[in-house]
Amino acid sequence: MSKYKCRICGYEYDPAAGDPANGVPPGTAFEDVPDDWTCPVCGAGKDEFEAI
C-alpha cells in the first residue's frame, strides 16, 4: 500500500497507521478512505493528496 502526501501541508497518510482519531482504522488503503475524509492537519480534501 502506497503512502499519500497532502500537497497543501505535507502531511503523509500511511495506510499502516491509518487515521484512527478521524475514523480510519490502521491498515486502510488510501483508496478505501471515505471520500469525505479530510487532512487532519490542514483540512484539505482527499483530492489534494498524491501518491509518494
N, C-alpha and C. Protein backbone atom coordinates (compact mmCIF):
# COMPACT_ATOMS: atom_id res chain seq x y z
N MET A 1 0.84 -1.19 0.00
CA MET A 1 0.00 0.00 0.00
C MET A 1 0.88 1.25 0.00
N SER A 2 0.55 2.15 -0.87
CA SER A 2 1.33 3.39 -1.01
C SER A 2 0.95 4.40 0.05
N LYS A 3 1.92 5.25 0.39
CA LYS A 3 1.66 6.40 1.24
C LYS A 3 1.21 7.54 0.34
N TYR A 4 0.46 8.45 0.90
CA TYR A 4 -0.02 9.62 0.17
C TYR A 4 0.34 10.87 0.94
N LYS A 5 0.67 11.93 0.21
CA LYS A 5 1.10 13.18 0.82
C LYS A 5 0.16 14.31 0.43
N CYS A 6 -0.21 15.12 1.42
CA CYS A 6 -1.04 16.30 1.17
C CYS A 6 -0.20 17.35 0.45
N ARG A 7 -0.71 17.81 -0.69
CA ARG A 7 0.02 18.83 -1.46
C ARG A 7 -0.04 20.20 -0.80
N ILE A 8 -0.95 20.38 0.15
CA ILE A 8 -1.09 21.68 0.81
C ILE A 8 -0.10 21.81 1.97
N CYS A 9 -0.08 20.83 2.89
CA CYS A 9 0.72 20.98 4.11
C CYS A 9 1.83 19.95 4.27
N GLY A 10 1.83 18.90 3.44
CA GLY A 10 2.88 17.91 3.54
C GLY A 10 2.57 16.72 4.44
N TYR A 11 1.39 16.68 5.07
CA TYR A 11 1.01 15.54 5.90
C TYR A 11 1.05 14.27 5.06
N GLU A 12 1.60 13.20 5.63
CA GLU A 12 1.66 11.93 4.93
C GLU A 12 0.68 10.94 5.54
N TYR A 13 -0.20 10.42 4.69
CA TYR A 13 -1.12 9.37 5.12
C TYR A 13 -0.42 8.03 4.92
N ASP A 14 -0.25 7.30 6.01
CA ASP A 14 0.38 5.99 5.99
C ASP A 14 -0.70 4.95 6.23
N PRO A 15 -1.00 4.10 5.23
CA PRO A 15 -2.05 3.10 5.39
C PRO A 15 -1.84 2.19 6.60
N ALA A 16 -0.60 1.90 6.95
CA ALA A 16 -0.33 1.03 8.09
C ALA A 16 -0.81 1.67 9.39
N ALA A 17 -0.76 2.99 9.47
CA ALA A 17 -1.18 3.71 10.67
C ALA A 17 -2.63 4.15 10.60
N GLY A 18 -3.14 4.40 9.39
CA GLY A 18 -4.49 4.93 9.24
C GLY A 18 -4.61 6.31 9.86
N ASP A 19 -5.80 6.66 10.26
CA ASP A 19 -6.07 7.92 10.97
C ASP A 19 -7.18 7.64 11.97
N PRO A 20 -6.87 6.82 13.00
CA PRO A 20 -7.90 6.40 13.95
C PRO A 20 -8.65 7.54 14.63
N ALA A 21 -7.99 8.66 14.85
CA ALA A 21 -8.63 9.80 15.51
C ALA A 21 -9.78 10.35 14.66
N ASN A 22 -9.73 10.06 13.35
CA ASN A 22 -10.75 10.56 12.44
C ASN A 22 -11.52 9.43 11.76
N GLY A 23 -11.56 8.27 12.41
CA GLY A 23 -12.41 7.18 11.94
C GLY A 23 -11.83 6.27 10.88
N VAL A 24 -10.51 6.36 10.63
CA VAL A 24 -9.89 5.50 9.62
C VAL A 24 -8.94 4.53 10.33
N PRO A 25 -9.33 3.25 10.43
CA PRO A 25 -8.51 2.30 11.18
C PRO A 25 -7.19 1.96 10.49
N PRO A 26 -6.18 1.56 11.27
CA PRO A 26 -4.91 1.11 10.68
C PRO A 26 -5.17 0.01 9.66
N GLY A 27 -4.37 0.01 8.60
CA GLY A 27 -4.50 -0.99 7.55
C GLY A 27 -5.45 -0.59 6.44
N THR A 28 -5.95 0.65 6.47
CA THR A 28 -6.89 1.13 5.44
C THR A 28 -6.13 1.76 4.28
N ALA A 29 -6.25 1.16 3.10
CA ALA A 29 -5.64 1.73 1.89
C ALA A 29 -6.25 3.10 1.62
N PHE A 30 -5.47 4.00 1.05
CA PHE A 30 -5.96 5.35 0.79
C PHE A 30 -7.21 5.31 -0.09
N GLU A 31 -7.26 4.39 -1.03
CA GLU A 31 -8.41 4.27 -1.92
C GLU A 31 -9.68 3.93 -1.15
N ASP A 32 -9.53 3.31 0.02
CA ASP A 32 -10.68 2.91 0.83
C ASP A 32 -11.05 3.92 1.92
N VAL A 33 -10.27 5.00 2.02
CA VAL A 33 -10.59 6.07 2.97
C VAL A 33 -11.86 6.76 2.45
N PRO A 34 -12.82 7.06 3.32
CA PRO A 34 -14.06 7.71 2.86
C PRO A 34 -13.78 9.00 2.08
N ASP A 35 -14.60 9.25 1.07
CA ASP A 35 -14.40 10.43 0.22
C ASP A 35 -14.55 11.75 0.97
N ASP A 36 -15.25 11.74 2.10
CA ASP A 36 -15.43 12.98 2.85
C ASP A 36 -14.35 13.19 3.92
N TRP A 37 -13.37 12.27 3.98
CA TRP A 37 -12.25 12.42 4.91
C TRP A 37 -11.42 13.63 4.49
N THR A 38 -10.89 14.35 5.47
CA THR A 38 -10.03 15.49 5.16
C THR A 38 -8.71 15.36 5.90
N CYS A 39 -7.71 16.06 5.42
CA CYS A 39 -6.39 16.06 6.05
C CYS A 39 -6.54 16.49 7.51
N PRO A 40 -6.00 15.69 8.44
CA PRO A 40 -6.14 16.04 9.85
C PRO A 40 -5.32 17.26 10.27
N VAL A 41 -4.42 17.71 9.42
CA VAL A 41 -3.58 18.86 9.75
C VAL A 41 -4.18 20.16 9.20
N CYS A 42 -4.50 20.15 7.89
CA CYS A 42 -4.94 21.41 7.27
C CYS A 42 -6.38 21.40 6.77
N GLY A 43 -7.04 20.23 6.78
CA GLY A 43 -8.42 20.17 6.35
C GLY A 43 -8.63 20.04 4.85
N ALA A 44 -7.55 19.84 4.10
CA ALA A 44 -7.67 19.68 2.64
C ALA A 44 -8.44 18.40 2.32
N GLY A 45 -9.14 18.42 1.20
CA GLY A 45 -9.89 17.26 0.76
C GLY A 45 -8.97 16.14 0.26
N LYS A 46 -9.54 14.96 0.16
CA LYS A 46 -8.80 13.78 -0.28
C LYS A 46 -8.19 14.00 -1.68
N ASP A 47 -8.82 14.85 -2.49
CA ASP A 47 -8.32 15.10 -3.84
C ASP A 47 -7.03 15.92 -3.86
N GLU A 48 -6.62 16.44 -2.71
CA GLU A 48 -5.36 17.21 -2.63
C GLU A 48 -4.17 16.33 -2.27
N PHE A 49 -4.35 15.01 -2.24
CA PHE A 49 -3.28 14.08 -1.90
C PHE A 49 -2.71 13.43 -3.16
N GLU A 50 -1.40 13.14 -3.11
CA GLU A 50 -0.74 12.45 -4.21
C GLU A 50 0.08 11.29 -3.67
N ALA A 51 0.19 10.22 -4.45
CA ALA A 51 0.98 9.06 -4.04
C ALA A 51 2.45 9.44 -3.97
N ILE A 52 3.14 8.88 -2.97
CA ILE A 52 4.58 9.13 -2.85
C ILE A 52 5.33 7.81 -2.78
